[in-house]
Amino acid sequence: GRPMVYSCSWPVYQIYARIEPNYAAIAQTCNLWRNYHDIQDSWA
């Protein structure tokens, strides 16, 4: 009953495992989601 934004790392770990993420399900579940590597402190 408490409103909580839900941030998921669901797709990025599946991409690492060569699993195709189900973005329809992800969009029904999460308010935001990570798709790629963690950012590092560099322009690269």
All heavy atoms as atom14 arrays in JSON, in Angstrom:
{
  "sequence": "GRPMVYSCSWPVYQIYARIEPNYAAIAQTCNLWRNYHDIQDSWA",
  "atom14_mask": [
    [1, 1, 1, 1, 0, 0, 0, 0, 0, 0, 0, 0, 0, 0],
    [1, 1, 1, 1, 1, 1, 1, 1, 1, 1, 1, 0, 0, 0],
    [1, 1, 1, 1, 1, 1, 1, 0, 0, 0, 0, 0, 0, 0],
    [1, 1, 1, 1, 1, 1, 1, 1, 0, 0, 0, 0, 0, 0],
    [1, 1, 1, 1, 1, 1, 1, 0, 0, 0, 0, 0, 0, 0],
    [1, 1, 1, 1, 1, 1, 1, 1, 1, 1, 1, 1, 0, 0],
    [1, 1, 1, 1, 1, 1, 0, 0, 0, 0, 0, 0, 0, 0],
    [1, 1, 1, 1, 1, 1, 0, 0, 0, 0, 0, 0, 0, 0],
    [1, 1, 1, 1, 1, 1, 0, 0, 0, 0, 0, 0, 0, 0],
    [1, 1, 1, 1, 1, 1, 1, 1, 1, 1, 1, 1, 1, 1],
    [1, 1, 1, 1, 1, 1, 1, 0, 0, 0, 0, 0, 0, 0],
    [1, 1, 1, 1, 1, 1, 1, 0, 0, 0, 0, 0, 0, 0],
    [1, 1, 1, 1, 1, 1, 1, 1, 1, 1, 1, 1, 0, 0],
    [1, 1, 1, 1, 1, 1, 1, 1, 1, 0, 0, 0, 0, 0],
    [1, 1, 1, 1, 1, 1, 1, 1, 0, 0, 0, 0, 0, 0],
    [1, 1, 1, 1, 1, 1, 1, 1, 1, 1, 1, 1, 0, 0],
    [1, 1, 1, 1, 1, 0, 0, 0, 0, 0, 0, 0, 0, 0],
    [1, 1, 1, 1, 1, 1, 1, 1, 1, 1, 1, 0, 0, 0],
    [1, 1, 1, 1, 1, 1, 1, 1, 0, 0, 0, 0, 0, 0],
    [1, 1, 1, 1, 1, 1, 1, 1, 1, 0, 0, 0, 0, 0],
    [1, 1, 1, 1, 1, 1, 1, 0, 0, 0, 0, 0, 0, 0],
    [1, 1, 1, 1, 1, 1, 1, 1, 0, 0, 0, 0, 0, 0],
    [1, 1, 1, 1, 1, 1, 1, 1, 1, 1, 1, 1, 0, 0],
    [1, 1, 1, 1, 1, 0, 0, 0, 0, 0, 0, 0, 0, 0],
    [1, 1, 1, 1, 1, 0, 0, 0, 0, 0, 0, 0, 0, 0],
    [1, 1, 1, 1, 1, 1, 1, 1, 0, 0, 0, 0, 0, 0],
    [1, 1, 1, 1, 1, 0, 0, 0, 0, 0, 0, 0, 0, 0],
    [1, 1, 1, 1, 1, 1, 1, 1, 1, 0, 0, 0, 0, 0],
    [1, 1, 1, 1, 1, 1, 1, 0, 0, 0, 0, 0, 0, 0],
    [1, 1, 1, 1, 1, 1, 0, 0, 0, 0, 0, 0, 0, 0],
    [1, 1, 1, 1, 1, 1, 1, 1, 0, 0, 0, 0, 0, 0],
    [1, 1, 1, 1, 1, 1, 1, 1, 0, 0, 0, 0, 0, 0],
    [1, 1, 1, 1, 1, 1, 1, 1, 1, 1, 1, 1, 1, 1],
    [1, 1, 1, 1, 1, 1, 1, 1, 1, 1, 1, 0, 0, 0],
    [1, 1, 1, 1, 1, 1, 1, 1, 0, 0, 0, 0, 0, 0],
    [1, 1, 1, 1, 1, 1, 1, 1, 1, 1, 1, 1, 0, 0],
    [1, 1, 1, 1, 1, 1, 1, 1, 1, 1, 0, 0, 0, 0],
    [1, 1, 1, 1, 1, 1, 1, 1, 0, 0, 0, 0, 0, 0],
    [1, 1, 1, 1, 1, 1, 1, 1, 0, 0, 0, 0, 0, 0],
    [1, 1, 1, 1, 1, 1, 1, 1, 1, 0, 0, 0, 0, 0],
    [1, 1, 1, 1, 1, 1, 1, 1, 0, 0, 0, 0, 0, 0],
    [1, 1, 1, 1, 1, 1, 0, 0, 0, 0, 0, 0, 0, 0],
    [1, 1, 1, 1, 1, 1, 1, 1, 1, 1, 1, 1, 1, 1],
    [1, 1, 1, 1, 1, 0, 0, 0, 0, 0, 0, 0, 0, 0]
  ],
  "atom14_positions": [
    [[0.8, -1.22, 0.0], [0.0, 0.0, 0.0], [0.83, 1.27, 0.0], [0.27, 2.37, -0.1], [0.0, 0.0, 0.0], [0.0, 0.0, 0.0], [0.0, 0.0, 0.0], [0.0, 0.0, 0.0], [0.0, 0.0, 0.0], [0.0, 0.0, 0.0], [0.0, 0.0, 0.0], [0.0, 0.0, 0.0], [0.0, 0.0, 0.0], [0.0, 0.0, 0.0]],
    [[2.15, 1.14, 0.11], [3.01, 2.32, 0.06], [3.52, 2.5, -1.37], [4.1, 1.57, -1.94], [4.19, 2.21, 1.01], [5.08, 3.44, 0.95], [6.14, 3.51, 2.01], [6.87, 4.77, 1.88], [6.49, 5.93, 2.37], [5.36, 6.0, 3.07], [7.19, 7.04, 2.2], [0.0, 0.0, 0.0], [0.0, 0.0, 0.0], [0.0, 0.0, 0.0]],
    [[3.36, 3.67, -1.96], [3.88, 3.88, -3.32], [5.41, 3.84, -3.32], [6.06, 4.62, -2.63], [3.37, 5.28, -3.69], [2.28, 5.57, -2.71], [2.64, 4.85, -1.45], [0.0, 0.0, 0.0], [0.0, 0.0, 0.0], [0.0, 0.0, 0.0], [0.0, 0.0, 0.0], [0.0, 0.0, 0.0], [0.0, 0.0, 0.0], [0.0, 0.0, 0.0]],
    [[5.98, 2.91, -4.09], [7.43, 2.78, -4.21], [7.81, 2.59, -5.67], [7.37, 1.63, -6.31], [7.94, 1.6, -3.37], [7.9, 1.84, -1.87], [8.56, 0.46, -0.87], [7.05, -0.49, -0.58], [0.0, 0.0, 0.0], [0.0, 0.0, 0.0], [0.0, 0.0, 0.0], [0.0, 0.0, 0.0], [0.0, 0.0, 0.0], [0.0, 0.0, 0.0]],
    [[8.59, 3.51, -6.2], [9.14, 3.35, -7.55], [9.98, 2.08, -7.57], [10.75, 1.81, -6.63], [9.99, 4.58, -7.94], [10.77, 4.32, -9.23], [9.11, 5.81, -8.08], [0.0, 0.0, 0.0], [0.0, 0.0, 0.0], [0.0, 0.0, 0.0], [0.0, 0.0, 0.0], [0.0, 0.0, 0.0], [0.0, 0.0, 0.0], [0.0, 0.0, 0.0]],
    [[9.84, 1.31, -8.64], [10.51, 0.01, -8.74], [11.51, 0.04, -9.89], [11.14, 0.11, -11.05], [9.45, -1.07, -8.97], [9.92, -2.5, -8.86], [11.06, -2.86, -8.14], [9.19, -3.52, -9.48], [11.46, -4.18, -8.03], [9.57, -4.85, -9.38], [10.7, -5.18, -8.66], [11.09, -6.49, -8.56], [0.0, 0.0, 0.0], [0.0, 0.0, 0.0]],
    [[12.78, 0.02, -9.52], [13.88, 0.05, -10.49], [14.48, -1.34, -10.6], [14.94, -1.9, -9.6], [14.95, 1.05, -10.03], [16.12, 0.94, -10.8], [0.0, 0.0, 0.0], [0.0, 0.0, 0.0], [0.0, 0.0, 0.0], [0.0, 0.0, 0.0], [0.0, 0.0, 0.0], [0.0, 0.0, 0.0], [0.0, 0.0, 0.0], [0.0, 0.0, 0.0]],
    [[14.49, -1.89, -11.81], [14.88, -3.29, -12.02], [16.17, -3.41, -12.83], [16.39, -2.64, -13.77], [13.78, -4.02, -12.78], [12.15, -4.0, -11.99], [0.0, 0.0, 0.0], [0.0, 0.0, 0.0], [0.0, 0.0, 0.0], [0.0, 0.0, 0.0], [0.0, 0.0, 0.0], [0.0, 0.0, 0.0], [0.0, 0.0, 0.0], [0.0, 0.0, 0.0]],
    [[16.96, -4.42, -12.47], [18.11, -4.79, -13.3], [17.84, -6.06, -14.1], [18.76, -6.68, -14.62], [19.35, -4.99, -12.41], [19.71, -3.79, -11.78], [0.0, 0.0, 0.0], [0.0, 0.0, 0.0], [0.0, 0.0, 0.0], [0.0, 0.0, 0.0], [0.0, 0.0, 0.0], [0.0, 0.0, 0.0], [0.0, 0.0, 0.0], [0.0, 0.0, 0.0]],
    [[16.62, -6.44, -14.18], [16.14, -7.65, -14.82], [16.7, -7.84, -16.23], [17.36, -8.86, -16.51], [14.63, -7.6, -14.77], [13.79, -8.62, -15.44], [14.17, -9.71, -16.13], [12.36, -8.62, -15.44], [13.07, -10.4, -16.58], [11.95, -9.75, -16.17], [11.4, -7.77, -14.91], [10.59, -10.05, -16.37], [10.06, -8.07, -15.1], [9.67, -9.2, -15.82]],
    [[16.51, -6.92, -17.18], [16.95, -7.22, -18.55], [18.46, -7.34, -18.71], [18.93, -8.16, -19.51], [16.37, -6.08, -19.39], [16.07, -5.0, -18.42], [15.76, -5.66, -17.12], [0.0, 0.0, 0.0], [0.0, 0.0, 0.0], [0.0, 0.0, 0.0], [0.0, 0.0, 0.0], [0.0, 0.0, 0.0], [0.0, 0.0, 0.0], [0.0, 0.0, 0.0]],
    [[19.24, -6.54, -17.99], [20.68, -6.56, -18.23], [21.29, -7.9, -17.88], [22.15, -8.42, -18.6], [21.38, -5.4, -17.49], [21.32, -5.54, -15.99], [22.84, -5.29, -17.94], [0.0, 0.0, 0.0], [0.0, 0.0, 0.0], [0.0, 0.0, 0.0], [0.0, 0.0, 0.0], [0.0, 0.0, 0.0], [0.0, 0.0, 0.0], [0.0, 0.0, 0.0]],
    [[20.82, -8.53, -16.8], [21.37, -9.84, -16.44], [20.93, -10.92, -17.43], [21.67, -11.87, -17.68], [20.98, -10.19, -15.01], [21.77, -9.41, -14.0], [21.27, -8.23, -13.44], [23.04, -9.82, -13.61], [22.01, -7.5, -12.53], [23.79, -9.09, -12.7], [23.27, -7.93, -12.17], [24.01, -7.21, -11.27], [0.0, 0.0, 0.0], [0.0, 0.0, 0.0]],
    [[19.74, -10.78, -17.98], [19.32, -11.73, -19.01], [20.1, -11.53, -20.3], [20.47, -12.51, -20.97], [17.82, -11.6, -19.24], [17.01, -12.06, -18.04], [15.54, -12.27, -18.35], [14.97, -11.59, -19.19], [14.93, -13.22, -17.65], [0.0, 0.0, 0.0], [0.0, 0.0, 0.0], [0.0, 0.0, 0.0], [0.0, 0.0, 0.0], [0.0, 0.0, 0.0]],
    [[20.4, -10.29, -20.64], [21.21, -10.03, -21.82], [22.6, -10.63, -21.65], [23.15, -11.26, -22.56], [21.28, -8.52, -22.11], [19.91, -8.01, -22.59], [22.35, -8.19, -23.14], [19.77, -6.51, -22.62], [0.0, 0.0, 0.0], [0.0, 0.0, 0.0], [0.0, 0.0, 0.0], [0.0, 0.0, 0.0], [0.0, 0.0, 0.0], [0.0, 0.0, 0.0]],
    [[23.18, -10.48, -20.45], [24.47, -11.13, -20.17], [24.4, -12.64, -20.39], [25.36, -13.26, -20.84], [24.89, -10.87, -18.72], [25.33, -9.47, -18.4], [25.29, -9.01, -17.09], [25.8, -8.6, -19.38], [25.7, -7.72, -16.76], [26.2, -7.32, -19.07], [26.16, -6.88, -17.76], [26.56, -5.61, -17.44], [0.0, 0.0, 0.0], [0.0, 0.0, 0.0]],
    [[23.25, -13.24, -20.03], [23.08, -14.69, -20.15], [22.56, -15.11, -21.51], [22.22, -16.29, -21.7], [22.13, -15.17, -19.05], [0.0, 0.0, 0.0], [0.0, 0.0, 0.0], [0.0, 0.0, 0.0], [0.0, 0.0, 0.0], [0.0, 0.0, 0.0], [0.0, 0.0, 0.0], [0.0, 0.0, 0.0], [0.0, 0.0, 0.0], [0.0, 0.0, 0.0]],
    [[22.49, -14.18, -22.46], [22.0, -14.44, -23.82], [20.54, -14.91, -23.82], [20.13, -15.76, -24.61], [22.9, -15.44, -24.55], [24.34, -14.96, -24.68], [25.18, -15.91, -25.52], [26.56, -15.48, -25.57], [27.05, -14.55, -26.41], [26.23, -13.97, -27.27], [28.33, -14.22, -26.39], [0.0, 0.0, 0.0], [0.0, 0.0, 0.0], [0.0, 0.0, 0.0]],
    [[19.76, -14.34, -22.91], [18.32, -14.55, -22.87], [17.67, -13.29, -23.41], [18.01, -12.18, -22.99], [17.84, -14.8, -21.43], [18.55, -16.02, -20.83], [16.33, -14.97, -21.38], [18.35, -16.14, -19.32], [0.0, 0.0, 0.0], [0.0, 0.0, 0.0], [0.0, 0.0, 0.0], [0.0, 0.0, 0.0], [0.0, 0.0, 0.0], [0.0, 0.0, 0.0]],
    [[16.72, -13.42, -24.31], [16.05, -12.25, -24.85], [15.05, -11.72, -23.83], [14.1, -12.42, -23.45], [15.33, -12.59, -26.15], [14.7, -11.37, -26.82], [14.11, -11.69, -28.18], [14.34, -12.8, -28.69], [13.4, -10.82, -28.72], [0.0, 0.0, 0.0], [0.0, 0.0, 0.0], [0.0, 0.0, 0.0], [0.0, 0.0, 0.0], [0.0, 0.0, 0.0]],
    [[15.22, -10.49, -23.35], [14.28, -9.97, -22.35], [12.87, -9.82, -22.91], [12.68, -9.46, -24.08], [14.87, -8.59, -22.0], [16.31, -8.66, -22.4], [16.33, -9.55, -23.61], [0.0, 0.0, 0.0], [0.0, 0.0, 0.0], [0.0, 0.0, 0.0], [0.0, 0.0, 0.0], [0.0, 0.0, 0.0], [0.0, 0.0, 0.0], [0.0, 0.0, 0.0]],
    [[11.91, -10.09, -22.07], [10.51, -9.89, -22.4], [10.12, -8.48, -21.96], [9.68, -8.28, -20.83], [9.65, -10.95, -21.71], [8.18, -10.81, -22.03], [7.74, -9.83, -22.62], [7.39, -11.79, -21.63], [0.0, 0.0, 0.0], [0.0, 0.0, 0.0], [0.0, 0.0, 0.0], [0.0, 0.0, 0.0], [0.0, 0.0, 0.0], [0.0, 0.0, 0.0]],
    [[10.31, -7.51, -22.86], [10.09, -6.12, -22.46], [8.62, -5.82, -22.19], [8.32, -4.9, -21.42], [10.66, -5.18, -23.51], [12.17, -5.04, -23.39], [13.02, -5.64, -24.29], [12.73, -4.32, -22.34], [14.41, -5.53, -24.16], [14.1, -4.19, -22.2], [14.93, -4.8, -23.11], [16.3, -4.69, -22.97], [0.0, 0.0, 0.0], [0.0, 0.0, 0.0]],
    [[7.72, -6.6, -22.77], [6.31, -6.39, -22.44], [6.07, -6.67, -20.96], [5.38, -5.92, -20.26], [5.43, -7.28, -23.31], [0.0, 0.0, 0.0], [0.0, 0.0, 0.0], [0.0, 0.0, 0.0], [0.0, 0.0, 0.0], [0.0, 0.0, 0.0], [0.0, 0.0, 0.0], [0.0, 0.0, 0.0], [0.0, 0.0, 0.0], [0.0, 0.0, 0.0]],
    [[6.65, -7.75, -20.47], [6.5, -8.09, -19.06], [7.26, -7.1, -18.18], [6.78, -6.72, -17.1], [7.0, -9.52, -18.81], [0.0, 0.0, 0.0], [0.0, 0.0, 0.0], [0.0, 0.0, 0.0], [0.0, 0.0, 0.0], [0.0, 0.0, 0.0], [0.0, 0.0, 0.0], [0.0, 0.0, 0.0], [0.0, 0.0, 0.0], [0.0, 0.0, 0.0]],
    [[8.44, -6.69, -18.62], [9.23, -5.75, -17.85], [8.49, -4.43, -17.68], [8.44, -3.85, -16.6], [10.6, -5.55, -18.51], [11.43, -6.85, -18.41], [11.37, -4.39, -17.89], [12.64, -6.89, -19.31], [0.0, 0.0, 0.0], [0.0, 0.0, 0.0], [0.0, 0.0, 0.0], [0.0, 0.0, 0.0], [0.0, 0.0, 0.0], [0.0, 0.0, 0.0]],
    [[7.88, -3.94, -18.77], [7.14, -2.68, -18.72], [5.89, -2.78, -17.86], [5.4, -1.77, -17.35], [6.78, -2.23, -20.13], [0.0, 0.0, 0.0], [0.0, 0.0, 0.0], [0.0, 0.0, 0.0], [0.0, 0.0, 0.0], [0.0, 0.0, 0.0], [0.0, 0.0, 0.0], [0.0, 0.0, 0.0], [0.0, 0.0, 0.0], [0.0, 0.0, 0.0]],
    [[5.35, -3.98, -17.69], [4.2, -4.18, -16.81], [4.59, -4.25, -15.34], [3.74, -4.13, -14.47], [3.46, -5.46, -17.19], [2.68, -5.36, -18.5], [1.97, -6.67, -18.82], [2.57, -7.74, -18.8], [0.68, -6.57, -19.11], [0.0, 0.0, 0.0], [0.0, 0.0, 0.0], [0.0, 0.0, 0.0], [0.0, 0.0, 0.0], [0.0, 0.0, 0.0]],
    [[5.89, -4.45, -15.09], [6.36, -4.72, -13.73], [7.15, -3.58, -13.13], [7.01, -3.27, -11.95], [7.24, -5.99, -13.73], [6.47, -7.1, -14.21], [7.8, -6.29, -12.36], [0.0, 0.0, 0.0], [0.0, 0.0, 0.0], [0.0, 0.0, 0.0], [0.0, 0.0, 0.0], [0.0, 0.0, 0.0], [0.0, 0.0, 0.0], [0.0, 0.0, 0.0]],
    [[8.0, -2.93, -13.94], [9.02, -2.01, -13.42], [8.76, -0.59, -13.9], [8.28, -0.38, -15.01], [10.41, -2.45, -13.89], [10.79, -4.19, -13.54], [0.0, 0.0, 0.0], [0.0, 0.0, 0.0], [0.0, 0.0, 0.0], [0.0, 0.0, 0.0], [0.0, 0.0, 0.0], [0.0, 0.0, 0.0], [0.0, 0.0, 0.0], [0.0, 0.0, 0.0]],
    [[9.14, 0.38, -13.08], [9.09, 1.78, -13.5], [10.31, 2.18, -14.32], [10.23, 3.13, -15.11], [8.99, 2.7, -12.29], [7.68, 2.55, -11.55], [7.64, 2.1, -10.41], [6.59, 2.94, -12.18], [0.0, 0.0, 0.0], [0.0, 0.0, 0.0], [0.0, 0.0, 0.0], [0.0, 0.0, 0.0], [0.0, 0.0, 0.0], [0.0, 0.0, 0.0]],
    [[11.43, 1.53, -14.11], [12.63, 1.75, -14.92], [13.48, 0.5, -14.84], [13.33, -0.31, -13.92], [13.42, 2.97, -14.44], [13.94, 3.03, -13.02], [15.17, 3.94, -12.95], [12.88, 3.59, -12.06], [0.0, 0.0, 0.0], [0.0, 0.0, 0.0], [0.0, 0.0, 0.0], [0.0, 0.0, 0.0], [0.0, 0.0, 0.0], [0.0, 0.0, 0.0]],
    [[14.33, 0.34, -15.86], [15.12, -0.89, -15.93], [16.43, -0.65, -16.67], [16.51, 0.15, -17.58], [14.33, -2.0, -16.64], [13.78, -1.58, -17.97], [14.42, -1.6, -19.18], [12.47, -1.06, -18.24], [13.6, -1.13, -20.18], [12.39, -0.79, -19.62], [11.35, -0.82, -17.43], [11.25, -0.28, -20.21], [10.21, -0.3, -18.03], [10.17, -0.05, -19.41]],
    [[17.44, -1.36, -16.21], [18.78, -1.3, -16.79], [18.91, -2.32, -17.92], [18.47, -3.46, -17.8], [19.82, -1.57, -15.71], [19.97, -0.45, -14.66], [20.8, 0.69, -15.19], [22.05, 0.19, -15.74], [23.08, -0.26, -15.02], [23.02, -0.2, -13.7], [24.16, -0.72, -15.61], [0.0, 0.0, 0.0], [0.0, 0.0, 0.0], [0.0, 0.0, 0.0]],
    [[19.58, -1.89, -19.0], [19.79, -2.76, -20.16], [21.25, -3.04, -20.47], [21.55, -3.91, -21.29], [19.19, -2.1, -21.42], [17.72, -1.81, -21.27], [16.89, -2.71, -21.26], [17.37, -0.53, -21.14], [0.0, 0.0, 0.0], [0.0, 0.0, 0.0], [0.0, 0.0, 0.0], [0.0, 0.0, 0.0], [0.0, 0.0, 0.0], [0.0, 0.0, 0.0]],
    [[22.17, -2.32, -19.84], [23.56, -2.35, -20.29], [24.48, -2.23, -19.08], [24.04, -2.12, -17.93], [23.78, -1.2, -21.28], [25.1, -1.22, -22.02], [25.43, -2.29, -22.86], [26.01, -0.19, -21.88], [26.65, -2.31, -23.53], [27.22, -0.21, -22.55], [27.54, -1.27, -23.37], [28.73, -1.3, -24.03], [0.0, 0.0, 0.0], [0.0, 0.0, 0.0]],
    [[25.79, -2.25, -19.34], [26.8, -2.26, -18.29], [26.66, -1.06, -17.34], [26.17, 0.0, -17.7], [28.21, -2.2, -18.9], [28.5, -3.28, -19.89], [28.24, -4.61, -19.66], [29.06, -3.23, -21.13], [28.61, -5.32, -20.71], [29.1, -4.51, -21.62], [0.0, 0.0, 0.0], [0.0, 0.0, 0.0], [0.0, 0.0, 0.0], [0.0, 0.0, 0.0]],
    [[27.18, -1.25, -16.12], [27.31, -0.14, -15.18], [28.18, 0.96, -15.78], [29.21, 0.68, -16.4], [27.98, -0.59, -13.88], [27.07, -1.42, -13.01], [25.9, -1.65, -13.39], [27.53, -1.85, -11.94], [0.0, 0.0, 0.0], [0.0, 0.0, 0.0], [0.0, 0.0, 0.0], [0.0, 0.0, 0.0], [0.0, 0.0, 0.0], [0.0, 0.0, 0.0]],
    [[27.77, 2.18, -15.55], [28.6, 3.29, -16.01], [29.85, 3.4, -15.14], [29.82, 3.13, -13.94], [27.79, 4.61, -15.99], [28.48, 5.68, -16.85], [27.55, 5.1, -14.57], [27.61, 6.89, -17.13], [0.0, 0.0, 0.0], [0.0, 0.0, 0.0], [0.0, 0.0, 0.0], [0.0, 0.0, 0.0], [0.0, 0.0, 0.0], [0.0, 0.0, 0.0]],
    [[30.97, 3.77, -15.78], [32.22, 4.02, -15.09], [32.59, 5.49, -15.28], [32.01, 6.18, -16.1], [33.33, 3.12, -15.64], [32.99, 1.64, -15.63], [32.75, 1.07, -14.25], [33.45, 1.42, -13.31], [31.76, 0.2, -14.12], [0.0, 0.0, 0.0], [0.0, 0.0, 0.0], [0.0, 0.0, 0.0], [0.0, 0.0, 0.0], [0.0, 0.0, 0.0]],
    [[33.57, 5.94, -14.53], [33.92, 7.36, -14.56], [34.87, 7.65, -15.72], [36.05, 7.98, -15.51], [34.53, 7.79, -13.24], [34.62, 9.3, -13.1], [34.04, 10.01, -13.95], [35.25, 9.78, -12.14], [0.0, 0.0, 0.0], [0.0, 0.0, 0.0], [0.0, 0.0, 0.0], [0.0, 0.0, 0.0], [0.0, 0.0, 0.0], [0.0, 0.0, 0.0]],
    [[34.35, 7.53, -16.94], [35.18, 7.77, -18.12], [34.3, 8.12, -19.31], [33.14, 7.7, -19.4], [36.03, 6.54, -18.47], [35.23, 5.51, -19.03], [0.0, 0.0, 0.0], [0.0, 0.0, 0.0], [0.0, 0.0, 0.0], [0.0, 0.0, 0.0], [0.0, 0.0, 0.0], [0.0, 0.0, 0.0], [0.0, 0.0, 0.0], [0.0, 0.0, 0.0]],
    [[34.88, 8.87, -20.24], [34.19, 9.18, -21.49], [33.97, 7.92, -22.31], [32.93, 7.77, -22.97], [34.98, 10.22, -22.26], [34.41, 10.58, -23.62], [35.06, 10.51, -24.8], [33.09, 11.06, -23.9], [34.24, 10.92, -25.83], [33.02, 11.27, -25.31], [31.98, 11.35, -23.13], [31.88, 11.74, -25.94], [30.82, 11.81, -23.76], [30.79, 12.01, -25.15]],
    [[34.92, 6.99, -22.27], [34.76, 5.74, -23.01], [33.51, 4.99, -22.55], [32.78, 4.41, -23.36], [36.0, 4.86, -22.85], [0.0, 0.0, 0.0], [0.0, 0.0, 0.0], [0.0, 0.0, 0.0], [0.0, 0.0, 0.0], [0.0, 0.0, 0.0], [0.0, 0.0, 0.0], [0.0, 0.0, 0.0], [0.0, 0.0, 0.0], [0.0, 0.0, 0.0]]
  ]
}
